[in-house]
């Protein structure tokens, strides 16, 4: 059955994931004459995590504004009290900037082709309230009909609470959707638990032997959908 909609994970699937906040903090503070070394940042981040729990976990179910609270707490622990509100605003802007969320080379061509084929595009990501703004600043806002992120659902993929909200927003049944993501556990197993077929974007080609359609990069899903032969180089394969 040809899907009506494609659900895409975000970090690691459409863009290279930002795994470490230190370069962003260091750049923002440094541009304002406040040096920040790695050890000080790591210590501050660890202290905030101990006081509130790991950040992403603690953000689950939280109202918007949690991210700014987190950055304010880190700034306080590295001794930034002067112009703290300005710094929080600058960090918010920096963390949603395309500079720190670099699309994979094939991503935009694939999104454009999938949309051209008449499929609806959606994002389903373990992420925070910053995600919709990040997508907008990438210039992708018009491509995605909905964006669902873990903070608002109160759970992270593969928790079964995440996908039903995305399905409801898309107006689709599980069998009318295909989910595409880079994590076997979060994306493949999470989608399957909600009855949604999944394709694994296995860029490191580490998943041999697992029973799942698996592609080297996003171009492979076009082959799976039977479209755009000129872009097919990551042909889908099933192990």
Foldseek 3Di string as FASTA:
>chain_A
DFAQAEEEAADPAFWPDQPDCVVLLQVLCVVVVHHDDPVQLVVQQVVLCVVQNNLLLSLAQPDPPSQLVSQLSSCVSSPDDPCSVVSSVSSLVSVLACVRTPTDPCNVVLLVFVVVVNHAYEYQYQDHPSVQSSCVNVVNNVSHQYYFYRSNQRDAALPQSRVVVVCVSVVHQQDNYEYEYADCRRTCVSSVVRVHAYEHCPCVPPDPPDFHWYWNGSLQVCLVSVDDPVSDDGHTDGD
